[in-house]
PDB file of all heavy atoms in Angstrom:
ATOM      1  N   ASN A   1     130.128 117.973  81.378  1.00  0.00           N
ATOM      2  CA  ASN A   1     130.348 119.428  81.122  1.00  0.00           C
ATOM      3  C   ASN A   1     129.154 120.232  81.371  1.00  0.00           C
ATOM      4  O   ASN A   1     129.005 121.407  80.759  1.00  0.00           O
ATOM      5  CB  ASN A   1     130.917 119.539  79.716  1.00  0.00           C
ATOM      6  CG  ASN A   1     130.012 119.098  78.678  1.00  0.00           C
ATOM      7  OD1 ASN A   1     129.049 118.327  79.010  1.00  0.00           O
ATOM      8  ND2 ASN A   1     130.233 119.428  77.452  1.00  0.00           N
ATOM      9  N   VAL A   2     128.240 119.851  82.195  1.00  0.00           N
ATOM     10  CA  VAL A   2     126.976 120.552  82.467  1.00  0.00           C
ATOM     11  C   VAL A   2     126.870 120.745  83.954  1.00  0.00           C
ATOM     12  O   VAL A   2     126.873 119.680  84.689  1.00  0.00           O
ATOM     13  CB  VAL A   2     125.740 119.870  81.834  1.00  0.00           C
ATOM     14  CG1 VAL A   2     124.535 120.598  82.156  1.00  0.00           C
ATOM     15  CG2 VAL A   2     125.901 119.716  80.299  1.00  0.00           C
ATOM     16  N   ILE A   3     126.520 121.880  84.459  1.00  0.00           N
ATOM     17  CA  ILE A   3     126.180 122.162  85.864  1.00  0.00           C
ATOM     18  C   ILE A   3     124.914 121.425  86.158  1.00  0.00           C
ATOM     19  O   ILE A   3     123.878 121.603  85.445  1.00  0.00           O
ATOM     20  CB  ILE A   3     126.059 123.660  86.113  1.00  0.00           C
ATOM     21  CG1 ILE A   3     127.365 124.404  85.805  1.00  0.00           C
ATOM     22  CG2 ILE A   3     125.620 123.906  87.622  1.00  0.00           C
ATOM     23  CD1 ILE A   3     127.255 125.864  85.690  1.00  0.00           C
ATOM     24  N   PRO A   4     124.811 120.613  87.140  1.00  0.00           N
ATOM     25  CA  PRO A   4     123.596 119.885  87.525  1.00  0.00           C
ATOM     26  C   PRO A   4     122.454 120.884  87.802  1.00  0.00           C
ATOM     27  O   PRO A   4     122.575 121.824  88.683  1.00  0.00           O
ATOM     28  CB  PRO A   4     123.882 119.077  88.847  1.00  0.00           C
ATOM     29  CG  PRO A   4     125.450 118.943  88.724  1.00  0.00           C
ATOM     30  CD  PRO A   4     125.937 120.195  88.088  1.00  0.00           C
ATOM     31  N   GLY A   5     121.334 120.633  87.166  1.00  0.00           N
ATOM     32  CA  GLY A   5     120.159 121.473  87.374  1.00  0.00           C
ATOM     33  C   GLY A   5     119.150 120.942  88.227  1.00  0.00           C
ATOM     34  O   GLY A   5     118.347 121.691  88.886  1.00  0.00           O
ATOM     35  N   GLU A   6     119.134 119.606  88.414  1.00  0.00           N
ATOM     36  CA  GLU A   6     118.184 118.998  89.329  1.00  0.00           C
ATOM     37  C   GLU A   6     118.807 117.728  89.962  1.00  0.00           C
ATOM     38  O   GLU A   6     119.409 116.955  89.181  1.00  0.00           O
ATOM     39  CB  GLU A   6     116.905 118.621  88.493  1.00  0.00           C
ATOM     40  CG  GLU A   6     115.844 118.037  89.350  1.00  0.00           C
ATOM     41  CD  GLU A   6     114.610 117.699  88.614  1.00  0.00           C
ATOM     42  OE1 GLU A   6     113.787 118.645  88.237  1.00  0.00           O
ATOM     43  OE2 GLU A   6     114.361 116.535  88.359  1.00  0.00           O
ATOM     44  N   VAL A   7     118.565 117.589  91.220  1.00  0.00           N
ATOM     45  CA  VAL A   7     118.968 116.437  92.010  1.00  0.00           C
ATOM     46  C   VAL A   7     117.872 115.872  92.815  1.00  0.00           C
ATOM     47  O   VAL A   7     117.262 116.660  93.628  1.00  0.00           O
ATOM     48  CB  VAL A   7     120.210 116.708  92.874  1.00  0.00           C
ATOM     49  CG1 VAL A   7     120.475 115.572  93.801  1.00  0.00           C
ATOM     50  CG2 VAL A   7     121.463 117.050  92.048  1.00  0.00           C
ATOM     51  N   SER A   8     117.521 114.668  92.579  1.00  0.00           N
ATOM     52  CA  SER A   8     116.530 113.905  93.331  1.00  0.00           C
ATOM     53  C   SER A   8     117.266 112.919  94.391  1.00  0.00           C
ATOM     54  O   SER A   8     118.220 112.302  93.904  1.00  0.00           O
ATOM     55  CB  SER A   8     115.636 113.166  92.455  1.00  0.00           C
ATOM     56  OG  SER A   8     114.954 114.002  91.590  1.00  0.00           O
ATOM     57  N   LEU A   9     116.851 112.931  95.608  1.00  0.00           N
ATOM     58  CA  LEU A   9     117.405 112.019  96.557  1.00  0.00           C
ATOM     59  C   LEU A   9     116.460 111.611  97.590  1.00  0.00           C
ATOM     60  O   LEU A   9     115.419 112.199  97.778  1.00  0.00           O
ATOM     61  CB  LEU A   9     118.687 112.731  97.218  1.00  0.00           C
ATOM     62  CG  LEU A   9     118.443 113.913  98.101  1.00  0.00           C
ATOM     63  CD1 LEU A   9     119.763 114.140  98.940  1.00  0.00           C
ATOM     64  CD2 LEU A   9     118.230 115.200  97.279  1.00  0.00           C
ATOM     65  N   SER A  10     116.750 110.423  98.112  1.00  0.00           N
ATOM     66  CA  SER A  10     115.883 109.908  99.176  1.00  0.00           C
ATOM     67  C   SER A  10     116.402 110.214 100.565  1.00  0.00           C
ATOM     68  O   SER A  10     117.640 110.473 100.817  1.00  0.00           O
ATOM     69  CB  SER A  10     115.719 108.414  99.042  1.00  0.00           C
ATOM     70  OG  SER A  10     117.072 107.768  99.291  1.00  0.00           O
ATOM     71  N   LEU A  11     115.521 110.220 101.498  1.00  0.00           N
ATOM     72  CA  LEU A  11     115.959 110.477 102.944  1.00  0.00           C
ATOM     73  C   LEU A  11     115.141 109.398 103.832  1.00  0.00           C
ATOM     74  O   LEU A  11     113.927 109.350 103.714  1.00  0.00           O
ATOM     75  CB  LEU A  11     115.685 111.833 103.425  1.00  0.00           C
ATOM     76  CG  LEU A  11     115.887 112.087 104.909  1.00  0.00           C
ATOM     77  CD1 LEU A  11     117.339 111.941 105.203  1.00  0.00           C
ATOM     78  CD2 LEU A  11     115.414 113.422 105.218  1.00  0.00           C
ATOM     79  N   ASP A  12     115.907 108.610 104.589  1.00  0.00           N
ATOM     80  CA  ASP A  12     115.230 107.614 105.559  1.00  0.00           C
ATOM     81  C   ASP A  12     115.796 107.985 106.890  1.00  0.00           C
ATOM     82  O   ASP A  12     116.996 108.076 107.175  1.00  0.00           O
ATOM     83  CB  ASP A  12     115.816 106.252 105.116  1.00  0.00           C
ATOM     84  CG  ASP A  12     115.185 105.125 106.024  1.00  0.00           C
ATOM     85  OD1 ASP A  12     115.510 105.236 107.193  1.00  0.00           O
ATOM     86  OD2 ASP A  12     114.600 104.143 105.519  1.00  0.00           O
ATOM     87  N   VAL A  13     114.865 108.284 107.792  1.00  0.00           N
ATOM     88  CA  VAL A  13     115.173 108.666 109.199  1.00  0.00           C
ATOM     89  C   VAL A  13     114.465 107.761 110.123  1.00  0.00           C
ATOM     90  O   VAL A  13     113.310 107.478 110.036  1.00  0.00           O
ATOM     91  CB  VAL A  13     114.780 110.155 109.469  1.00  0.00           C
ATOM     92  CG1 VAL A  13     115.183 110.582 110.841  1.00  0.00           C
ATOM     93  CG2 VAL A  13     115.248 111.091 108.333  1.00  0.00           C
ATOM     94  N   ARG A  14     115.154 107.293 111.095  1.00  0.00           N
ATOM     95  CA  ARG A  14     114.584 106.261 112.083  1.00  0.00           C
ATOM     96  C   ARG A  14     115.110 106.493 113.429  1.00  0.00           C
ATOM     97  O   ARG A  14     116.180 107.082 113.769  1.00  0.00           O
ATOM     98  CB  ARG A  14     115.084 104.824 111.640  1.00  0.00           C
ATOM     99  CG  ARG A  14     114.801 104.428 110.292  1.00  0.00           C
ATOM    100  CD  ARG A  14     114.994 102.945 110.000  1.00  0.00           C
ATOM    101  NE  ARG A  14     115.019 102.553 108.623  1.00  0.00           N
ATOM    102  CZ  ARG A  14     114.830 101.493 108.075  1.00  0.00           C
ATOM    103  NH1 ARG A  14     114.571 100.462 108.912  1.00  0.00           N
ATOM    104  NH2 ARG A  14     114.817 101.315 106.757  1.00  0.00           N
ATOM    105  N   GLY A  15     114.222 106.101 114.364  1.00  0.00           N
ATOM    106  CA  GLY A  15     114.511 106.176 115.762  1.00  0.00           C
ATOM    107  C   GLY A  15     113.582 105.519 116.698  1.00  0.00           C
ATOM    108  O   GLY A  15     112.480 105.297 116.241  1.00  0.00           O
ATOM    109  N   PRO A  16     113.952 105.220 117.979  1.00  0.00           N
ATOM    110  CA  PRO A  16     112.973 104.402 118.881  1.00  0.00           C
ATOM    111  C   PRO A  16     111.919 105.208 119.481  1.00  0.00           C
ATOM    112  O   PRO A  16     111.050 104.657 120.134  1.00  0.00           O
ATOM    113  CB  PRO A  16     114.007 103.921 119.843  1.00  0.00           C
ATOM    114  CG  PRO A  16     115.075 104.895 119.914  1.00  0.00           C
ATOM    115  CD  PRO A  16     115.256 105.389 118.538  1.00  0.00           C
ATOM    116  N   LEU A  17     111.991 106.581 119.352  1.00  0.00           N
ATOM    117  CA  LEU A  17     110.948 107.508 119.964  1.00  0.00           C
ATOM    118  C   LEU A  17     110.492 108.433 118.910  1.00  0.00           C
ATOM    119  O   LEU A  17     111.341 108.996 118.193  1.00  0.00           O
ATOM    120  CB  LEU A  17     111.442 108.193 121.200  1.00  0.00           C
ATOM    121  CG  LEU A  17     111.826 107.443 122.407  1.00  0.00           C
ATOM    122  CD1 LEU A  17     112.613 108.223 123.418  1.00  0.00           C
ATOM    123  CD2 LEU A  17     110.655 106.701 123.035  1.00  0.00           C
ATOM    124  N   ASP A  18     109.149 108.582 118.742  1.00  0.00           N
ATOM    125  CA  ASP A  18     108.626 109.379 117.750  1.00  0.00           C
ATOM    126  C   ASP A  18     108.900 110.888 117.859  1.00  0.00           C
ATOM    127  O   ASP A  18     109.200 111.576 116.856  1.00  0.00           O
ATOM    128  CB  ASP A  18     107.078 109.240 117.611  1.00  0.00           C
ATOM    129  CG  ASP A  18     106.799 107.866 116.972  1.00  0.00           C
ATOM    130  OD1 ASP A  18     107.459 107.491 116.076  1.00  0.00           O
ATOM    131  OD2 ASP A  18     105.737 107.287 117.442  1.00  0.00           O
ATOM    132  N   ASN A  19     108.846 111.431 119.028  1.00  0.00           N
ATOM    133  CA  ASN A  19     109.093 112.895 119.202  1.00  0.00           C
ATOM    134  C   ASN A  19     110.537 113.319 118.801  1.00  0.00           C
ATOM    135  O   ASN A  19     110.664 114.325 117.972  1.00  0.00           O
ATOM    136  CB  ASN A  19     108.776 113.375 120.586  1.00  0.00           C
ATOM    137  CG  ASN A  19     107.274 113.384 120.850  1.00  0.00           C
ATOM    138  OD1 ASN A  19     106.522 113.339 119.934  1.00  0.00           O
ATOM    139  ND2 ASN A  19     106.918 113.406 122.136  1.00  0.00           N
ATOM    140  N   PRO A  20     111.528 112.662 119.279  1.00  0.00           N
ATOM    141  CA  PRO A  20     112.867 113.064 118.850  1.00  0.00           C
ATOM    142  C   PRO A  20     113.142 112.786 117.319  1.00  0.00           C
ATOM    143  O   PRO A  20     113.841 113.616 116.634  1.00  0.00           O
ATOM    144  CB  PRO A  20     113.863 112.162 119.648  1.00  0.00           C
ATOM    145  CG  PRO A  20     113.063 111.786 120.809  1.00  0.00           C
ATOM    146  CD  PRO A  20     111.578 111.701 120.400  1.00  0.00           C
ATOM    147  N   LEU A  21     112.422 111.804 116.796  1.00  0.00           N
ATOM    148  CA  LEU A  21     112.479 111.470 115.371  1.00  0.00           C
ATOM    149  C   LEU A  21     111.951 112.694 114.546  1.00  0.00           C
ATOM    150  O   LEU A  21     112.489 113.122 113.563  1.00  0.00           O
ATOM    151  CB  LEU A  21     111.806 110.295 115.030  1.00  0.00           C
ATOM    152  CG  LEU A  21     111.809 109.689 113.669  1.00  0.00           C
ATOM    153  CD1 LEU A  21     113.223 109.435 113.131  1.00  0.00           C
ATOM    154  CD2 LEU A  21     111.041 108.359 113.525  1.00  0.00           C
ATOM    155  N   GLU A  22     110.716 113.182 115.051  1.00  0.00           N
ATOM    156  CA  GLU A  22     110.107 114.260 114.354  1.00  0.00           C
ATOM    157  C   GLU A  22     110.917 115.558 114.481  1.00  0.00           C
ATOM    158  O   GLU A  22     111.014 116.460 113.456  1.00  0.00           O
ATOM    159  CB  GLU A  22     108.679 114.482 114.901  1.00  0.00           C
ATOM    160  CG  GLU A  22     107.664 113.493 114.579  1.00  0.00           C
ATOM    161  CD  GLU A  22     107.357 113.413 113.053  1.00  0.00           C
ATOM    162  OE1 GLU A  22     107.576 114.408 112.344  1.00  0.00           O
ATOM    163  OE2 GLU A  22     106.936 112.406 112.660  1.00  0.00           O
ATOM    164  N   THR A  23     111.563 115.763 115.597  1.00  0.00           N
ATOM    165  CA  THR A  23     112.432 116.938 115.778  1.00  0.00           C
ATOM    166  C   THR A  23     113.511 116.965 114.868  1.00  0.00           C
ATOM    167  O   THR A  23     113.918 117.928 114.180  1.00  0.00           O
ATOM    168  CB  THR A  23     112.875 117.043 117.296  1.00  0.00           C
ATOM    169  OG1 THR A  23     111.735 117.149 118.062  1.00  0.00           O
ATOM    170  CG2 THR A  23     113.726 118.260 117.441  1.00  0.00           C
ATOM    171  N   LEU A  24     114.222 115.694 114.719  1.00  0.00           N
ATOM    172  CA  LEU A  24     115.395 115.639 113.841  1.00  0.00           C
ATOM    173  C   LEU A  24     114.890 115.874 112.381  1.00  0.00           C
ATOM    174  O   LEU A  24     115.550 116.682 111.664  1.00  0.00           O
ATOM    175  CB  LEU A  24     115.974 114.274 113.938  1.00  0.00           C
ATOM    176  CG  LEU A  24     117.077 113.954 112.906  1.00  0.00           C
ATOM    177  CD1 LEU A  24     118.334 114.826 113.040  1.00  0.00           C
ATOM    178  CD2 LEU A  24     117.496 112.521 113.034  1.00  0.00           C
ATOM    179  N   LEU A  25     113.882 115.227 111.949  1.00  0.00           N
ATOM    180  CA  LEU A  25     113.357 115.404 110.559  1.00  0.00           C
ATOM    181  C   LEU A  25     113.139 116.810 110.259  1.00  0.00           C
ATOM    182  O   LEU A  25     113.450 117.393 109.186  1.00  0.00           O
ATOM    183  CB  LEU A  25     112.177 114.487 110.256  1.00  0.00           C
ATOM    184  CG  LEU A  25     111.581 114.613 108.871  1.00  0.00           C
ATOM    185  CD1 LEU A  25     112.592 114.154 107.884  1.00  0.00           C
ATOM    186  CD2 LEU A  25     110.308 113.645 108.795  1.00  0.00           C
ATOM    187  N   SER A  26     112.394 117.489 111.135  1.00  0.00           N
ATOM    188  CA  SER A  26     112.030 118.922 110.927  1.00  0.00           C
ATOM    189  C   SER A  26     113.331 119.726 110.757  1.00  0.00           C
ATOM    190  O   SER A  26     113.347 120.679 109.901  1.00  0.00           O
ATOM    191  CB  SER A  26     111.232 119.442 112.183  1.00  0.00           C
ATOM    192  OG  SER A  26     110.876 120.733 111.966  1.00  0.00           O
ATOM    193  N   SER A  27     114.285 119.500 111.598  1.00  0.00           N
ATOM    194  CA  SER A  27     115.530 120.273 111.497  1.00  0.00           C
ATOM    195  C   SER A  27     116.296 120.086 110.172  1.00  0.00           C
ATOM    196  O   SER A  27     116.902 120.942 109.574  1.00  0.00           O
ATOM    197  CB  SER A  27     116.441 119.995 112.721  1.00  0.00           C
ATOM    198  OG  SER A  27     116.989 118.757 112.657  1.00  0.00           O
ATOM    199  N   LEU A  28     116.234 118.797 109.669  1.00  0.00           N
ATOM    200  CA  LEU A  28     116.911 118.461 108.441  1.00  0.00           C
ATOM    201  C   LEU A  28     116.244 119.141 107.287  1.00  0.00           C
ATOM    202  O   LEU A  28     116.839 119.690 106.396  1.00  0.00           O
ATOM    203  CB  LEU A  28     116.906 116.938 108.240  1.00  0.00           C
ATOM    204  CG  LEU A  28     117.662 116.123 109.267  1.00  0.00           C
ATOM    205  CD1 LEU A  28     117.644 114.633 108.874  1.00  0.00           C
ATOM    206  CD2 LEU A  28     119.088 116.577 109.451  1.00  0.00           C
ATOM    207  N   LEU A  29     114.888 119.160 107.255  1.00  0.00           N
ATOM    208  CA  LEU A  29     114.133 119.785 106.149  1.00  0.00           C
ATOM    209  C   LEU A  29     114.287 121.373 106.210  1.00  0.00           C
ATOM    210  O   LEU A  29     114.422 121.934 105.165  1.00  0.00           O
ATOM    211  CB  LEU A  29     112.713 119.446 106.252  1.00  0.00           C
ATOM    212  CG  LEU A  29     112.373 117.891 106.008  1.00  0.00           C
ATOM    213  CD1 LEU A  29     110.908 117.539 106.151  1.00  0.00           C
ATOM    214  CD2 LEU A  29     112.888 117.417 104.659  1.00  0.00           C
ATOM    215  N   THR A  30     114.267 121.842 107.377  1.00  0.00           N
ATOM    216  CA  THR A  30     114.528 123.371 107.570  1.00  0.00           C
ATOM    217  C   THR A  30     115.874 123.767 106.933  1.00  0.00           C
ATOM    218  O   THR A  30     115.989 124.730 106.258  1.00  0.00           O
ATOM    219  CB  THR A  30     114.403 123.795 109.068  1.00  0.00           C
ATOM    220  OG1 THR A  30     113.114 123.392 109.593  1.00  0.00           O
ATOM    221  CG2 THR A  30     114.683 125.230 109.250  1.00  0.00           C
ATOM    222  N   GLN A  31     116.903 122.906 107.259  1.00  0.00           N
ATOM    223  CA  GLN A  31     118.242 123.255 106.768  1.00  0.00           C
ATOM    224  C   GLN A  31     118.248 123.045 105.274  1.00  0.00           C
ATOM    225  O   GLN A  31     118.992 123.890 104.615  1.00  0.00           O
ATOM    226  CB  GLN A  31     119.267 122.335 107.414  1.00  0.00           C
ATOM    227  CG  GLN A  31     120.730 122.598 106.966  1.00  0.00           C
ATOM    228  CD  GLN A  31     121.278 123.903 107.392  1.00  0.00           C
ATOM    229  OE1 GLN A  31     120.575 124.599 108.279  1.00  0.00           O
ATOM    230  NE2 GLN A  31     122.353 124.338 106.800  1.00  0.00           N
ATOM    231  N   ALA A  32     117.548 122.117 104.642  1.00  0.00           N
ATOM    232  CA  ALA A  32     117.583 122.007 103.192  1.00  0.00           C
ATOM    233  C   ALA A  32     116.878 123.175 102.584  1.00  0.00           C
ATOM    234  O   ALA A  32     117.456 123.621 101.529  1.00  0.00           O
ATOM    235  CB  ALA A  32     116.749 120.717 102.858  1.00  0.00           C
ATOM    236  N   GLU A  33     115.896 123.690 103.137  1.00  0.00           N
ATOM    237  CA  GLU A  33     115.267 124.942 102.628  1.00  0.00           C
ATOM    238  C   GLU A  33     116.155 126.074 102.759  1.00  0.00           C
ATOM    239  O   GLU A  33     116.262 126.918 101.791  1.00  0.00           O
ATOM    240  CB  GLU A  33     113.956 125.125 103.334  1.00  0.00           C
ATOM    241  CG  GLU A  33     112.796 124.100 102.999  1.00  0.00           C
ATOM    242  CD  GLU A  33     111.663 124.176 103.988  1.00  0.00           C
ATOM    243  OE1 GLU A  33     111.670 124.923 104.885  1.00  0.00           O
ATOM    244  OE2 GLU A  33     110.710 123.402 103.791  1.00  0.00           O
ATOM    245  N   ALA A  34     116.877 126.217 103.890  1.00  0.00           N
ATOM    246  CA  ALA A  34     117.782 127.280 104.008  1.00  0.00           C
ATOM    247  C   ALA A  34     118.894 127.213 102.943  1.00  0.00           C
ATOM    248  O   ALA A  34     119.406 128.255 102.430  1.00  0.00           O
ATOM    249  CB  ALA A  34     118.407 127.274 105.492  1.00  0.00           C
ATOM    250  N   ILE A  35     119.480 126.029 102.690  1.00  0.00           N
ATOM    251  CA  ILE A  35     120.480 125.766 101.786  1.00  0.00           C
ATOM    252  C   ILE A  35     119.991 126.283 100.388  1.00  0.00           C
ATOM    253  O   ILE A  35     120.671 126.995  99.630  1.00  0.00           O
ATOM    254  CB  ILE A  35     120.991 124.440 101.713  1.00  0.00           C
ATOM    255  CG1 ILE A  35     121.795 124.086 102.993  1.00  0.00           C
ATOM    256  CG2 ILE A  35     121.908 124.083 100.521  1.00  0.00           C
ATOM    257  CD1 ILE A  35     122.129 122.594 103.252  1.00  0.00           C
ATOM    258  N   ALA A  36     118.836 125.815 100.017  1.00  0.00           N
ATOM    259  CA  ALA A  36     118.218 126.185  98.776  1.00  0.00           C
ATOM    260  C   ALA A  36     117.983 127.669  98.615  1.00  0.00           C
ATOM    261  O   ALA A  36     118.365 128.272  97.571  1.00  0.00           O
ATOM    262  CB  ALA A  36     116.968 125.425  98.554  1.00  0.00           C
ATOM    263  N   LEU A  37     117.541 128.327  99.673  1.00  0.00           N
ATOM    264  CA  LEU A  37     117.314 129.777  99.540  1.00  0.00           C
ATOM    265  C   LEU A  37     118.596 130.538  99.403  1.00  0.00           C
ATOM    266  O   LEU A  37     118.736 131.475  98.529  1.00  0.00           O
ATOM    267  CB  LEU A  37     116.598 130.212 100.855  1.00  0.00           C
ATOM    268  CG  LEU A  37     116.294 131.732 100.930  1.00  0.00           C
ATOM    269  CD1 LEU A  37     115.293 131.997  99.985  1.00  0.00           C
ATOM    270  CD2 LEU A  37     115.708 132.022 102.342  1.00  0.00           C
ATOM    271  N   ARG A  38     119.640 130.125 100.172  1.00  0.00           N
ATOM    272  CA  ARG A  38     120.920 130.774 100.092  1.00  0.00           C
ATOM    273  C   ARG A  38     121.613 130.707  98.587  1.00  0.00           C
ATOM    274  O   ARG A  38     122.229 131.534  98.156  1.00  0.00           O
ATOM    275  CB  ARG A  38     121.846 130.297 101.156  1.00  0.00           C
ATOM    276  CG  ARG A  38     123.283 130.820 101.072  1.00  0.00           C
ATOM    277  CD  ARG A  38     124.060 130.488 102.398  1.00  0.00           C
ATOM    278  NE  ARG A  38     123.808 129.291 102.944  1.00  0.00           N
ATOM    279  CZ  ARG A  38     124.351 128.122 102.576  1.00  0.00           C
ATOM    280  NH1 ARG A  38     125.250 128.105 101.599  1.00  0.00           N
ATOM    281  NH2 ARG A  38     124.101 126.965 103.188  1.00  0.00           N
ATOM    282  N   ARG A  39     121.294 129.572  98.105  1.00  0.00           N
ATOM    283  CA  ARG A  39     121.951 129.277  96.768  1.00  0.00           C
ATOM    284  C   ARG A  39     121.111 129.637  95.501  1.00  0.00           C
ATOM    285  O   ARG A  39     121.459 129.447  94.431  1.00  0.00           O
ATOM    286  CB  ARG A  39     122.301 127.715  96.610  1.00  0.00           C
ATOM    287  CG  ARG A  39     123.434 127.315  97.525  1.00  0.00           C
ATOM    288  CD  ARG A  39     123.639 125.840  97.487  1.00  0.00           C
ATOM    289  NE  ARG A  39     124.862 125.385  98.156  1.00  0.00           N
ATOM    290  CZ  ARG A  39     126.007 125.275  97.672  1.00  0.00           C
ATOM    291  NH1 ARG A  39     126.221 125.565  96.366  1.00  0.00           N
ATOM    292  NH2 ARG A  39     127.080 124.919  98.331  1.00  0.00           N
ATOM    293  N   GLY A  40     119.878 130.168  95.854  1.00  0.00           N
ATOM    294  CA  GLY A  40     118.939 130.536  94.790  1.00  0.00           C
ATOM    295  C   GLY A  40     118.276 129.372  94.124  1.00  0.00           C
ATOM    296  O   GLY A  40     117.905 129.402  92.944  1.00  0.00           O
ATOM    297  N   LEU A  41     118.008 128.316  94.812  1.00  0.00           N
ATOM    298  CA  LEU A  41     117.402 127.043  94.322  1.00  0.00           C
ATOM    299  C   LEU A  41     116.047 126.870  94.937  1.00  0.00           C
ATOM    300  O   LEU A  41     115.667 127.652  95.783  1.00  0.00           O
ATOM    301  CB  LEU A  41     118.263 125.864  94.664  1.00  0.00           C
ATOM    302  CG  LEU A  41     119.562 125.627  93.739  1.00  0.00           C
ATOM    303  CD1 LEU A  41     120.609 126.557  94.066  1.00  0.00           C
ATOM    304  CD2 LEU A  41     119.997 124.177  94.043  1.00  0.00           C
ATOM    305  N   ARG A  42     115.436 125.817  94.586  1.00  0.00           N
ATOM    306  CA  ARG A  42     114.174 125.438  95.109  1.00  0.00           C
ATOM    307  C   ARG A  42     114.261 124.074  95.708  1.00  0.00           C
ATOM    308  O   ARG A  42     114.892 123.160  95.084  1.00  0.00           O
ATOM    309  CB  ARG A  42     113.022 125.421  94.072  1.00  0.00           C
ATOM    310  CG  ARG A  42     111.625 125.133  94.656  1.00  0.00           C
ATOM    311  CD  ARG A  42     110.526 125.398  93.670  1.00  0.00           C
ATOM    312  NE  ARG A  42     110.428 124.337  92.626  1.00  0.00           N
ATOM    313  CZ  ARG A  42     110.844 124.439  91.353  1.00  0.00           C
ATOM    314  NH1 ARG A  42     111.331 125.603  90.918  1.00  0.00           N
ATOM    315  NH2 ARG A  42     110.729 123.370  90.528  1.00  0.00           N
TER     316      ARG A  42
END
């Protein structure tokens, strides 16, 4: 009966080439920040 105030989660990203891996990770983190901003979270 309580709205969740904090969620901790892990992220594991893997790939055979480092550059595409970094590009994917960057896009995932950018989207997380955008979701948080839109919802008024950190």
